[in-house]
Protein backbone atom coordinates (compact mmCIF):
# COMPACT_ATOMS: atom_id res chain seq x y z
CA MET A 1 0.09 0.07 0.03
CA ALA A 2 3.13 2.50 0.88
CA GLY A 3 4.59 1.77 -2.65
CA GLY A 4 1.11 2.23 -4.21
CA ALA A 5 0.65 5.57 -2.71
CA LEU A 6 4.27 6.49 -3.36
CA VAL A 7 3.56 5.86 -6.97
CA LEU A 8 0.70 7.82 -7.04
CA GLY A 9 2.48 10.78 -5.26
CA LEU A 10 5.54 10.85 -7.70
CA PRO A 11 3.93 12.95 -10.09
CA TYR A 12 3.45 15.89 -7.78
CA LEU A 13 7.07 16.35 -8.05
CA ILE A 14 6.54 17.14 -11.84
CA ASN A 15 3.18 19.01 -11.86
CA VAL A 16 1.51 20.94 -9.39
CA THR A 17 -1.92 19.77 -10.94
CA ALA A 18 -0.71 16.32 -9.94
CA TYR A 19 -1.29 17.30 -6.27
CA ALA A 20 -4.80 18.13 -6.41
CA ALA A 21 -5.25 14.94 -8.35
CA VAL A 22 -3.84 12.74 -5.63
CA THR A 23 -5.55 15.10 -2.87
CA SER A 24 -8.83 14.61 -4.64
CA ILE A 25 -8.04 10.57 -5.15
CA ALA A 26 -7.49 10.42 -1.39
CA VAL A 27 -10.52 11.85 -0.47
CA ILE A 28 -12.73 10.12 -2.73
CA GLY A 29 -11.27 6.85 -1.80
CA LEU A 30 -11.84 7.70 1.97
CA TYR A 31 -15.49 8.66 1.08
CA ILE A 32 -16.13 5.87 -0.44
CA ALA A 33 -14.94 3.43 1.84
CA TYR A 34 -16.44 5.24 4.73
CA VAL A 35 -20.05 5.18 2.97
CA ILE A 36 -20.23 1.78 1.67
CA PRO A 37 -21.43 0.24 4.97
CA THR A 38 -24.15 3.20 5.21
CA LEU A 39 -25.16 2.11 1.78
CA LEU A 40 -25.64 -1.29 2.34
CA ARG A 41 -27.62 -0.66 5.58
CA LEU A 42 -29.86 1.38 3.39
CA ARG A 43 -30.29 -1.42 1.06
CA LYS A 44 -30.75 -3.98 3.61
CA GLY A 45 -33.76 -1.58 4.77
CA ASP A 46 -36.11 -3.10 7.74
CA ALA A 47 -34.40 -6.62 7.51
CA PHE A 48 -31.33 -4.96 9.25
CA GLU A 49 -30.44 -6.05 12.67
CA ARG A 50 -29.55 -2.91 14.80
CA GLY A 51 -26.90 -2.86 17.25
CA PRO A 52 -27.03 -1.36 20.55
CA TRP A 53 -26.33 2.02 19.37
CA HIS A 54 -28.25 3.90 16.77
CA LEU A 55 -29.67 7.09 15.48
CA GLY A 56 -33.33 5.63 16.05
CA ARG A 57 -35.77 6.95 13.61
CA TRP A 58 -33.33 9.28 11.88
CA SER A 59 -31.08 6.34 10.83
CA ARG A 60 -32.48 6.14 7.11
CA THR A 61 -32.66 9.70 6.65
CA ILE A 62 -29.08 10.51 7.89
CA GLY A 63 -27.89 7.51 5.87
CA LEU A 64 -29.44 8.75 2.80
CA ILE A 65 -28.05 11.91 3.16
CA SER A 66 -24.69 10.78 3.92
CA VAL A 67 -24.60 8.60 0.55
CA ILE A 68 -26.04 11.82 -1.53
CA TRP A 69 -23.48 13.60 -0.03
CA VAL A 70 -20.61 11.41 -0.92
CA PHE A 71 -21.72 11.40 -4.42
CA VAL A 72 -21.80 15.14 -4.71
CA ILE A 73 -18.46 15.33 -3.31
CA THR A 74 -17.03 12.90 -5.58
CA VAL A 75 -18.33 14.39 -8.62
CA LEU A 76 -16.82 17.80 -7.55
CA PHE A 77 -13.47 16.34 -6.42
CA MET A 78 -13.48 14.48 -10.06
CA LEU A 79 -13.99 18.05 -11.82
CA PRO A 80 -11.02 19.96 -13.54
CA GLN A 81 -9.55 22.44 -11.30
CA LEU A 82 -8.22 25.01 -13.90
CA SER A 83 -9.65 26.15 -16.93
CA PRO A 84 -9.15 25.70 -20.07
CA VAL A 85 -8.58 22.02 -19.42
CA THR A 86 -5.36 20.80 -21.36
CA TRP A 87 -2.86 17.57 -20.67
CA GLU A 88 -1.12 19.53 -18.01
CA THR A 89 -4.45 20.88 -16.06
CA PHE A 90 -6.56 17.67 -16.39
CA ASN A 91 -7.59 16.13 -13.18
CA TYR A 92 -6.36 12.73 -13.37
CA ALA A 93 -8.70 11.60 -10.41
CA PRO A 94 -11.38 10.24 -12.21
CA VAL A 95 -9.10 7.91 -14.31
CA ALA A 96 -7.28 6.60 -10.93
CA VAL A 97 -10.47 5.85 -9.37
CA LEU A 98 -11.90 3.96 -12.42
CA ALA A 99 -8.73 2.21 -12.38
CA VAL A 100 -8.85 1.06 -8.90
CA LEU A 101 -12.78 0.00 -9.10
CA GLY A 102 -11.83 -1.72 -12.37
CA PHE A 103 -9.06 -3.76 -10.88
CA ALA A 104 -11.43 -4.90 -7.68
CA ALA A 105 -14.22 -5.53 -9.96
CA ILE A 106 -11.88 -7.89 -11.96
CA TRP A 107 -10.18 -9.18 -8.83
CA TRP A 108 -13.82 -9.79 -7.35
CA THR A 109 -15.24 -11.79 -10.21
CA ALA A 110 -12.04 -13.64 -11.00
CA SER A 111 -11.28 -14.80 -7.37
CA ALA A 112 -12.68 -13.34 -4.28
CA ARG A 113 -16.31 -13.97 -5.17
CA HIS A 114 -15.30 -17.57 -4.83
CA TRP A 115 -14.00 -17.79 -1.27
CA PHE A 116 -14.72 -14.53 0.40
CA LEU A 117 -17.30 -14.59 3.36
CA ASN A 118 -18.03 -18.23 2.42
CA PRO A 119 -17.55 -20.26 5.43
CA GLU A 120 -17.24 -23.53 3.88
CA HIS A 121 -14.21 -22.55 1.71
CA GLU A 122 -10.80 -23.78 2.77
CA ARG A 123 -8.91 -20.73 2.91
CA SER A 124 -11.74 -19.47 5.56
CA VAL A 125 -11.90 -22.89 7.57
CA ALA A 126 -8.02 -22.52 7.89
CA ARG A 127 -8.44 -18.66 9.14
CA GLU A 128 -10.93 -19.58 11.29
CA ALA A 129 -9.04 -22.79 13.04
CA ALA A 130 -5.70 -20.52 13.19
CA ARG A 131 -7.54 -17.69 15.10
CA LYS A 132 -8.59 -20.41 17.43
CA GLY A 133 -5.37 -22.14 17.74
CA VAL A 134 -6.52 -25.63 16.30
CA ASP A 135 -4.57 -27.56 14.17
CA LEU A 136 -6.43 -29.08 11.20
């Protein structure tokens, strides 16, 4: 991860616009990561089992506002910051975000969907056994 962050940050040494793109990528990534559980909770609806602490009747409203806010801020951080838009002033955040999402989609399709959160998969069984300190 540190190496990936370094590679993404290196263009800043060449072009000032790259700093804005790197900052945009970081903000977009954090917002998306934080809103995914909220989006999944909204998607689950009334079937969602609440924990001991929740926002009561405001949960759905605040969750919806959060998801809308992340959508808006993501669009804003992907817009070009200078005009006219040239190769030097283009905001490369959309390209980087799409590359990461594309990689994640390919990885999920090719590998992770077969074993991630599948309690019967050999990796899950081995991980659970190791957590409990049991030899297989």
